[in-house]
Amino acid sequence: MNQLLEHEIERWWPRLSIDAKHRLLAHLEDPETLIDAETAVEIEELVGAPVADRLTPAERTFIRTQIEAVD
């Protein structure tokens, strides 16, 4: 697993395309779901390095916090 992905989600998530975000959100609750190739390429371009094949629990938690409504 590439640790860069885990440590850099704060950098790539806000810059990820809406389509890529929707692809990740569609399977966010399934820890066994692989990051699709198109999304992986986009993330790799943003971080400048290869990425893991699936999100870590910490990354899934981070994404959940980013999509919660703010009161």
C-alpha atoms as a PDB file:
ATOM      1  CA  MET A   1       0.000   0.000   0.000  1.00  0.00           C
ATOM      2  CA  ASN A   2       1.248   3.449  -0.851  1.00  0.00           C
ATOM      3  CA  GLN A   3       1.231   5.564   2.327  1.00  0.00           C
ATOM      4  CA  LEU A   4       1.281   8.744   0.219  1.00  0.00           C
ATOM      5  CA  LEU A   5      -2.372   8.241  -0.671  1.00  0.00           C
ATOM      6  CA  GLU A   6      -3.433   8.039   2.977  1.00  0.00           C
ATOM      7  CA  HIS A   7      -1.481  11.117   4.006  1.00  0.00           C
ATOM      8  CA  GLU A   8      -2.459  13.217   1.036  1.00  0.00           C
ATOM      9  CA  ILE A   9      -6.233  12.775   0.849  1.00  0.00           C
ATOM     10  CA  GLU A  10      -6.646  16.323   2.140  1.00  0.00           C
ATOM     11  CA  ARG A  11      -4.793  17.451  -0.971  1.00  0.00           C
ATOM     12  CA  TRP A  12      -6.432  15.324  -3.643  1.00  0.00           C
ATOM     13  CA  TRP A  13     -10.052  14.956  -2.476  1.00  0.00           C
ATOM     14  CA  PRO A  14     -10.988  18.653  -2.912  1.00  0.00           C
ATOM     15  CA  ARG A  15      -9.382  18.703  -6.377  1.00  0.00           C
ATOM     16  CA  LEU A  16     -10.915  15.429  -7.602  1.00  0.00           C
ATOM     17  CA  SER A  17     -13.501  15.737 -10.380  1.00  0.00           C
ATOM     18  CA  ILE A  18     -17.176  15.442  -9.492  1.00  0.00           C
ATOM     19  CA  ASP A  19     -17.459  12.253 -11.572  1.00  0.00           C
ATOM     20  CA  ALA A  20     -14.551  10.640  -9.713  1.00  0.00           C
ATOM     21  CA  LYS A  21     -16.019  11.665  -6.356  1.00  0.00           C
ATOM     22  CA  HIS A  22     -19.341  10.104  -7.334  1.00  0.00           C
ATOM     23  CA  ARG A  23     -17.589   6.873  -8.341  1.00  0.00           C
ATOM     24  CA  LEU A  24     -15.876   6.682  -4.942  1.00  0.00           C
ATOM     25  CA  LEU A  25     -19.018   7.659  -3.029  1.00  0.00           C
ATOM     26  CA  ALA A  26     -21.052   4.967  -4.778  1.00  0.00           C
ATOM     27  CA  HIS A  27     -19.008   2.286  -3.014  1.00  0.00           C
ATOM     28  CA  LEU A  28     -17.718   4.165   0.021  1.00  0.00           C
ATOM     29  CA  GLU A  29     -19.203   1.768   2.575  1.00  0.00           C
ATOM     30  CA  ASP A  30     -17.659  -1.332   0.986  1.00  0.00           C
ATOM     31  CA  PRO A  31     -14.023  -1.594   2.148  1.00  0.00           C
ATOM     32  CA  GLU A  32     -13.354  -4.327  -0.420  1.00  0.00           C
ATOM     33  CA  THR A  33     -14.277  -2.154  -3.406  1.00  0.00           C
ATOM     34  CA  LEU A  34     -11.296  -1.301  -5.570  1.00  0.00           C
ATOM     35  CA  ILE A  35     -10.669   2.251  -6.742  1.00  0.00           C
ATOM     36  CA  ASP A  36     -11.620   2.156 -10.413  1.00  0.00           C
ATOM     37  CA  ALA A  37      -8.852   2.716 -12.962  1.00  0.00           C
ATOM     38  CA  GLU A  38     -10.137   6.093 -14.176  1.00  0.00           C
ATOM     39  CA  THR A  39     -10.314   7.494 -10.639  1.00  0.00           C
ATOM     40  CA  ALA A  40      -6.908   6.036  -9.747  1.00  0.00           C
ATOM     41  CA  VAL A  41      -5.320   7.788 -12.732  1.00  0.00           C
ATOM     42  CA  GLU A  42      -6.887  11.086 -11.704  1.00  0.00           C
ATOM     43  CA  ILE A  43      -5.644  10.744  -8.104  1.00  0.00           C
ATOM     44  CA  GLU A  44      -2.170   9.750  -9.317  1.00  0.00           C
ATOM     45  CA  GLU A  45      -2.029  12.893 -11.438  1.00  0.00           C
ATOM     46  CA  LEU A  46      -2.965  15.005  -8.412  1.00  0.00           C
ATOM     47  CA  VAL A  47      -0.443  13.454  -5.989  1.00  0.00           C
ATOM     48  CA  GLY A  48       2.293  12.627  -8.492  1.00  0.00           C
ATOM     49  CA  ALA A  49       2.653   9.023  -7.351  1.00  0.00           C
ATOM     50  CA  PRO A  50       0.965   5.623  -7.623  1.00  0.00           C
ATOM     51  CA  VAL A  51      -2.001   5.050  -5.326  1.00  0.00           C
ATOM     52  CA  ALA A  52      -3.318   2.089  -3.372  1.00  0.00           C
ATOM     53  CA  ASP A  53      -6.022  -0.016  -4.963  1.00  0.00           C
ATOM     54  CA  ARG A  54      -8.639   0.834  -2.318  1.00  0.00           C
ATOM     55  CA  LEU A  55      -9.400   3.479   0.260  1.00  0.00           C
ATOM     56  CA  THR A  56      -8.273   2.962   3.840  1.00  0.00           C
ATOM     57  CA  PRO A  57     -10.777   3.211   6.706  1.00  0.00           C
ATOM     58  CA  ALA A  58      -9.263   6.608   7.596  1.00  0.00           C
ATOM     59  CA  GLU A  59      -9.756   7.850   4.031  1.00  0.00           C
ATOM     60  CA  ARG A  60     -13.379   6.686   3.990  1.00  0.00           C
ATOM     61  CA  THR A  61     -13.924   8.529   7.283  1.00  0.00           C
ATOM     62  CA  PHE A  62     -12.293  11.670   5.876  1.00  0.00           C
ATOM     63  CA  ILE A  63     -14.583  11.575   2.824  1.00  0.00           C
ATOM     64  CA  ARG A  64     -17.662  11.129   5.016  1.00  0.00           C
ATOM     65  CA  THR A  65     -16.713  14.252   6.985  1.00  0.00           C
ATOM     66  CA  GLN A  66     -16.313  16.219   3.761  1.00  0.00           C
ATOM     67  CA  ILE A  67     -19.809  15.411   2.508  1.00  0.00           C
ATOM     68  CA  GLU A  68     -21.694  16.055   5.767  1.00  0.00           C
ATOM     69  CA  ALA A  69     -23.997  19.041   5.769  1.00  0.00           C
ATOM     70  CA  VAL A  70     -22.898  21.968   7.890  1.00  0.00           C
ATOM     71  CA  ASP A  71     -25.485  23.569  10.158  1.00  0.00           C
END
